[in-house]
N, C-alpha and C. Protein backbone atom coordinates (compact mmCIF):
# COMPACT_ATOMS: atom_id res chain seq x y z
N UNK A 1 156.73 101.98 116.82
CA UNK A 1 157.84 101.12 116.68
C UNK A 1 158.61 102.20 116.75
N UNK A 2 158.48 102.15 115.35
CA UNK A 2 159.75 102.79 114.68
C UNK A 2 159.35 105.02 114.91
N UNK A 3 158.12 105.27 115.62
CA UNK A 3 157.77 106.18 116.14
C UNK A 3 158.90 106.55 117.58
N UNK A 4 159.09 105.63 117.89
CA UNK A 4 159.71 105.65 119.30
C UNK A 4 161.08 106.13 119.50
N UNK A 5 161.72 104.94 117.76
CA UNK A 5 162.92 104.98 117.63
C UNK A 5 163.76 106.83 116.66
N UNK A 6 162.10 106.97 116.33
CA UNK A 6 163.36 108.41 115.71
C UNK A 6 163.12 109.54 117.18
N UNK A 7 162.36 109.74 117.73
CA UNK A 7 162.38 109.83 119.06
C UNK A 7 163.58 110.06 119.71
N UNK A 8 164.27 108.76 120.17
CA UNK A 8 165.20 108.42 120.71
C UNK A 8 166.79 108.68 120.26
N UNK A 9 166.57 108.76 118.86
CA UNK A 9 167.34 109.38 117.74
C UNK A 9 167.65 110.57 117.95
N UNK A 10 166.63 111.63 117.93
CA UNK A 10 166.30 112.58 117.66
C UNK A 10 167.02 113.25 119.25
N UNK A 11 166.60 113.09 120.17
CA UNK A 11 167.15 112.97 121.21
C UNK A 11 168.25 112.66 120.99
N UNK A 12 169.45 111.75 121.00
CA UNK A 12 170.72 111.51 121.30
C UNK A 12 171.19 112.55 120.08
N UNK A 13 170.21 112.45 119.30
CA UNK A 13 171.19 113.98 117.85
C UNK A 13 171.82 114.70 118.70
N UNK A 14 170.24 115.23 119.31
CA UNK A 14 170.32 116.77 120.02
C UNK A 14 171.85 117.00 121.10
N UNK A 15 171.42 115.83 121.78
CA UNK A 15 172.54 115.94 122.81
C UNK A 15 174.29 116.03 122.35
N UNK A 16 173.85 114.81 121.26
CA UNK A 16 175.45 114.84 120.64
C UNK A 16 175.54 116.65 120.58
N UNK A 17 175.25 116.95 119.61
CA UNK A 17 175.51 118.48 118.73
C UNK A 17 175.97 119.43 119.78
N UNK A 18 174.66 119.36 121.37
CA UNK A 18 175.51 120.35 122.08
C UNK A 18 176.99 119.42 122.76
N UNK A 19 177.36 118.94 122.63
CA UNK A 19 178.59 117.73 123.40
C UNK A 19 179.81 118.74 122.16
N UNK A 20 179.08 118.29 121.00
CA UNK A 20 180.62 118.82 119.87
C UNK A 20 180.45 120.19 120.13
N UNK A 21 179.94 120.55 120.13
CA UNK A 21 179.39 122.50 119.78
C UNK A 21 180.80 123.02 120.36
N UNK A 22 180.06 122.05 122.17
CA UNK A 22 180.22 122.57 123.59
C UNK A 22 181.88 122.65 123.32
N UNK A 23 182.19 121.22 123.22
CA UNK A 23 184.02 121.85 122.96
C UNK A 23 184.76 122.45 121.57
N UNK A 24 183.99 123.49 121.00
CA UNK A 24 184.68 124.19 120.12
C UNK A 24 184.36 125.94 120.95
N UNK A 25 182.82 125.83 121.62
CA UNK A 25 183.17 126.55 122.22
C UNK A 25 181.84 126.54 123.11
N UNK A 26 182.48 127.15 124.78
CA UNK A 26 181.68 126.06 125.71
C UNK A 26 179.92 127.16 125.44
N UNK A 27 180.56 129.19 124.96
CA UNK A 27 179.60 130.14 125.12
C UNK A 27 177.67 129.54 124.55
N UNK A 28 178.16 129.14 123.49
CA UNK A 28 177.84 128.16 122.42
C UNK A 28 176.98 127.89 122.32
N UNK A 29 178.14 126.49 123.41
CA UNK A 29 177.61 124.87 124.03
C UNK A 29 176.39 125.27 125.05
N UNK A 30 177.30 126.56 125.90
CA UNK A 30 175.53 126.61 126.99
C UNK A 30 174.48 127.51 126.12
N UNK A 31 174.70 128.96 125.28
CA UNK A 31 173.13 129.45 124.37
C UNK A 31 172.42 128.40 124.36
N UNK A 32 173.34 126.79 124.15
CA UNK A 32 171.97 126.09 123.54
C UNK A 32 171.50 124.88 124.70
N UNK A 33 172.36 124.88 124.95
CA UNK A 33 172.05 123.27 126.13
C UNK A 33 170.48 124.52 127.51
N UNK A 34 170.57 125.99 127.29
CA UNK A 34 169.84 126.41 128.07
C UNK A 34 168.64 126.34 127.46
N UNK A 35 168.38 126.60 126.03
CA UNK A 35 167.47 126.58 125.50
C UNK A 35 166.61 125.12 125.80
N UNK A 36 165.64 125.52 125.83
CA UNK A 36 164.80 124.01 126.82
C UNK A 36 163.92 123.50 125.56
N UNK A 37 164.91 122.97 124.17
CA UNK A 37 164.64 122.00 123.45
C UNK A 37 163.32 120.70 123.66
N UNK A 38 164.19 119.83 124.52
CA UNK A 38 163.93 118.59 125.04
C UNK A 38 162.80 119.10 125.71
N UNK A 39 162.36 120.06 126.56
CA UNK A 39 161.25 119.97 126.78
C UNK A 39 160.18 120.66 126.16
N UNK A 40 160.63 121.18 124.53
CA UNK A 40 159.81 122.00 123.29
C UNK A 40 159.37 120.66 122.84
N UNK A 41 160.64 119.72 122.64
CA UNK A 41 160.04 118.21 121.83
C UNK A 41 159.09 117.54 122.92
N UNK A 42 159.69 117.16 123.98
CA UNK A 42 158.22 117.09 124.48
C UNK A 42 156.57 117.51 124.34
N UNK A 43 156.81 118.87 124.32
CA UNK A 43 155.38 119.56 124.08
C UNK A 43 155.16 119.10 122.69
N UNK A 44 155.77 119.33 121.47
CA UNK A 44 155.50 118.73 120.76
C UNK A 44 154.97 117.47 120.27
N UNK A 45 155.70 116.37 120.79
CA UNK A 45 155.70 115.10 120.89
C UNK A 45 154.41 114.66 122.11
N UNK A 46 153.96 115.08 122.65
CA UNK A 46 153.01 115.29 123.53
C UNK A 46 151.52 115.54 123.52
N UNK A 47 151.85 116.55 122.71
CA UNK A 47 149.99 117.21 121.66
C UNK A 47 150.31 116.92 121.02
N UNK A 48 151.38 115.72 119.86
CA UNK A 48 151.00 114.18 118.83
C UNK A 48 150.44 114.00 119.39
N UNK A 49 150.82 112.63 120.50
CA UNK A 49 150.01 111.72 120.76
C UNK A 49 148.68 111.80 121.50
N UNK A 50 148.21 113.26 122.61
CA UNK A 50 147.21 113.41 123.33
C UNK A 50 145.79 114.40 122.85
N UNK A 51 146.40 115.28 122.08
CA UNK A 51 146.10 116.58 121.75
C UNK A 51 145.27 117.35 122.78
N UNK A 52 146.02 117.37 124.14
CA UNK A 52 145.85 117.52 124.76
C UNK A 52 145.95 118.53 125.17
N UNK A 53 145.61 120.30 125.51
CA UNK A 53 146.24 121.12 126.21
C UNK A 53 146.45 121.89 127.82
N UNK A 54 145.56 120.73 127.89
CA UNK A 54 145.37 120.79 129.78
C UNK A 54 146.88 120.16 130.24
N UNK A 55 146.91 118.74 129.53
CA UNK A 55 148.54 118.02 129.85
C UNK A 55 149.87 119.08 129.60
N UNK A 56 149.31 119.70 128.80
CA UNK A 56 150.77 120.41 128.66
C UNK A 56 151.04 121.67 129.11
N UNK A 57 149.48 122.29 129.39
CA UNK A 57 149.45 123.47 130.45
C UNK A 57 150.04 122.79 131.94
N UNK A 58 149.91 121.72 131.61
CA UNK A 58 150.48 121.26 133.25
C UNK A 58 152.11 121.18 132.81
N UNK A 59 152.51 120.70 132.18
CA UNK A 59 153.84 120.16 131.69
C UNK A 59 154.92 121.67 132.51
N UNK A 60 154.58 122.85 131.60
CA UNK A 60 154.62 123.27 131.04
C UNK A 60 155.18 123.77 132.52
N UNK A 61 153.66 123.93 133.13
CA UNK A 61 153.48 124.55 135.24
C UNK A 61 154.67 124.41 135.97
N UNK A 62 154.86 123.03 135.60
CA UNK A 62 156.04 122.01 136.37
C UNK A 62 157.32 122.12 136.01
N UNK A 63 157.68 122.52 134.58
CA UNK A 63 158.85 122.77 134.50
C UNK A 63 159.49 124.15 134.74
N UNK A 64 158.69 124.59 134.99
CA UNK A 64 158.38 126.52 135.35
C UNK A 64 159.61 125.89 136.90
N UNK A 65 158.74 125.66 137.62
CA UNK A 65 159.07 125.33 138.89
C UNK A 65 159.86 124.88 139.29
N UNK A 66 159.94 123.84 138.27
CA UNK A 66 161.36 122.97 139.05
C UNK A 66 162.48 122.94 138.23
N UNK A 67 162.23 123.96 137.23
CA UNK A 67 164.03 124.73 136.49
C UNK A 67 164.71 125.17 137.57
N UNK A 68 163.98 125.84 138.82
CA UNK A 68 164.40 126.84 139.71
C UNK A 68 165.25 126.08 140.59
N UNK A 69 165.11 125.26 141.51
CA UNK A 69 165.31 124.15 141.90
C UNK A 69 167.25 123.60 140.67
N UNK A 70 166.86 123.27 140.15
CA UNK A 70 167.75 122.92 138.91
C UNK A 70 168.91 123.66 139.11
N UNK A 71 169.04 125.10 138.91
CA UNK A 71 169.92 126.23 139.66
C UNK A 71 170.66 126.35 139.81
N UNK A 72 169.97 125.10 141.07
CA UNK A 72 171.33 124.95 142.05
C UNK A 72 172.41 124.47 141.37
N UNK A 73 172.33 123.34 140.92
CA UNK A 73 173.38 122.74 140.54
C UNK A 73 174.78 123.35 139.71
N UNK A 74 174.15 124.67 139.06
CA UNK A 74 174.39 125.20 138.06
C UNK A 74 176.04 125.99 138.91
N UNK A 75 175.08 126.51 140.02
CA UNK A 75 175.78 127.22 140.97
C UNK A 75 177.18 126.75 141.81
N UNK A 76 176.85 125.25 142.11
CA UNK A 76 177.46 124.51 142.88
C UNK A 76 178.29 124.18 142.51
N UNK A 77 178.43 123.44 141.26
CA UNK A 77 179.24 123.05 140.88
C UNK A 77 181.21 123.49 139.73
N UNK A 78 180.56 124.62 138.93
CA UNK A 78 181.74 126.05 138.95
C UNK A 78 182.05 126.14 141.00
N UNK A 79 181.56 126.19 141.46
CA UNK A 79 182.23 126.79 143.21
C UNK A 79 183.19 125.33 143.58
N UNK A 80 182.84 124.68 142.93
CA UNK A 80 183.64 123.28 143.92
C UNK A 80 184.70 123.20 142.50
N UNK A 81 184.81 123.30 141.29
CA UNK A 81 185.52 122.84 140.85
C UNK A 81 186.30 123.50 141.17
N UNK A 82 186.71 124.51 140.82
CA UNK A 82 187.67 126.15 141.49
C UNK A 82 188.32 126.03 142.84
N UNK A 83 187.61 125.52 143.49
CA UNK A 83 188.24 124.62 144.83
C UNK A 83 188.92 123.64 145.05
N UNK A 84 188.70 122.95 143.55
CA UNK A 84 189.98 122.22 142.95
C UNK A 84 189.95 120.78 143.43
N UNK A 85 187.97 120.17 143.56
CA UNK A 85 187.14 119.55 143.63
C UNK A 85 187.29 118.10 142.67
N UNK A 86 187.52 116.88 143.44
CA UNK A 86 187.68 116.08 141.82
C UNK A 86 186.36 115.96 140.84
N UNK A 87 186.21 115.82 140.17
CA UNK A 87 185.25 116.43 138.91
C UNK A 87 183.78 115.78 139.39
N UNK A 88 184.11 114.09 139.73
CA UNK A 88 182.96 113.40 139.85
C UNK A 88 182.94 113.39 140.94
N UNK A 89 183.70 114.04 142.26
CA UNK A 89 183.14 114.41 143.50
C UNK A 89 182.22 115.89 143.60
N UNK A 90 182.16 116.74 143.28
CA UNK A 90 182.75 117.93 143.24
C UNK A 90 181.07 117.79 141.92
N UNK A 91 180.18 117.46 141.04
CA UNK A 91 179.28 116.81 139.97
C UNK A 91 178.15 116.02 141.46
N UNK A 92 178.96 115.15 142.09
CA UNK A 92 177.82 114.20 142.70
C UNK A 92 177.73 115.10 143.40
N UNK A 93 177.96 116.27 144.20
CA UNK A 93 178.07 116.53 145.49
C UNK A 93 176.68 118.29 144.94
N UNK A 94 177.22 118.07 143.61
CA UNK A 94 176.09 119.02 142.89
C UNK A 94 174.75 118.87 142.53
N UNK A 95 174.89 117.38 141.93
CA UNK A 95 173.42 116.05 141.91
C UNK A 95 172.72 115.63 143.58
N UNK A 96 173.21 115.40 144.50
CA UNK A 96 172.74 115.76 145.70
C UNK A 96 172.48 116.92 146.87
N UNK A 97 173.05 118.00 145.85
CA UNK A 97 171.90 119.31 145.92
C UNK A 97 171.25 119.72 145.69
N UNK A 98 171.25 119.38 144.36
CA UNK A 98 170.33 119.76 143.05
C UNK A 98 169.12 118.59 143.57
N UNK A 99 168.96 117.49 144.39
CA UNK A 99 167.78 116.71 144.66
C UNK A 99 167.13 117.53 146.03
N UNK A 100 168.34 117.84 146.49
CA UNK A 100 167.72 118.37 147.65
C UNK A 100 167.02 119.33 148.01
N UNK A 101 167.25 120.29 146.89
CA UNK A 101 166.85 121.21 146.34
C UNK A 101 165.35 121.31 145.77
N UNK A 102 165.10 119.99 145.10
CA UNK A 102 163.54 119.67 144.62
C UNK A 102 162.62 119.07 145.69
N UNK A 103 163.48 118.65 146.69
CA UNK A 103 162.51 118.49 147.62
C UNK A 103 161.59 119.23 148.37
N UNK A 104 162.47 119.94 148.50
CA UNK A 104 162.55 121.68 149.15
C UNK A 104 161.30 122.12 148.41
N UNK A 105 161.21 122.48 147.46
CA UNK A 105 160.92 122.97 146.10
C UNK A 105 159.18 122.59 146.27
N UNK A 106 159.50 121.23 145.66
CA UNK A 106 157.99 120.62 146.17
C UNK A 106 156.64 120.37 146.84
N UNK A 107 158.29 120.69 148.63
CA UNK A 107 157.48 120.78 149.55
C UNK A 107 157.01 122.26 149.85
N UNK A 108 157.26 122.74 149.20
CA UNK A 108 157.32 124.48 149.21
C UNK A 108 155.81 124.74 149.01
N UNK A 109 155.86 123.80 147.01
CA UNK A 109 154.75 124.47 146.84
C UNK A 109 153.55 123.23 146.58
N UNK A 110 153.35 122.30 147.35
CA UNK A 110 152.54 121.75 148.37
C UNK A 110 152.11 121.91 149.63
N UNK A 111 152.62 122.97 150.22
CA UNK A 111 152.40 124.09 151.68
C UNK A 111 151.11 124.75 150.74
N UNK A 112 151.74 125.44 149.28
CA UNK A 112 151.04 126.46 149.61
C UNK A 112 149.91 126.15 148.12
N UNK A 113 149.39 124.67 148.13
CA UNK A 113 148.44 124.28 147.69
C UNK A 113 148.72 124.07 146.13
N UNK A 114 149.50 123.46 145.36
CA UNK A 114 150.20 123.71 144.59
C UNK A 114 150.35 121.97 143.95
N UNK A 115 150.04 121.91 142.66
CA UNK A 115 150.20 120.50 142.54
C UNK A 115 151.21 120.73 141.32
N UNK A 116 152.37 119.81 141.11
CA UNK A 116 152.79 119.42 140.32
C UNK A 116 152.99 118.41 139.45
């Protein structure tokens, strides 16, 4: 149980740090947010718990392919905000488009016989 509490606190600390740094500098907040800390931490926890490099390899491949559709949100959100759309509406639309892009990517990958 203590292990899970440590994992949760560490993850929350990382997200809070990125949020606080972003208030002072969107550039440095963006740099920290773009580094896949959570993925690296997940790899470490997964390896610690399972010792399975095969599972980590599969997770790494899945993350690679699924990062691509997630980029749609980072293109659409600033565009909608520049159009003066309400923040929450722009965020909602961006997330919906991103989810649709995820479905499209999964569909395309399965058509090519890739399992993610």
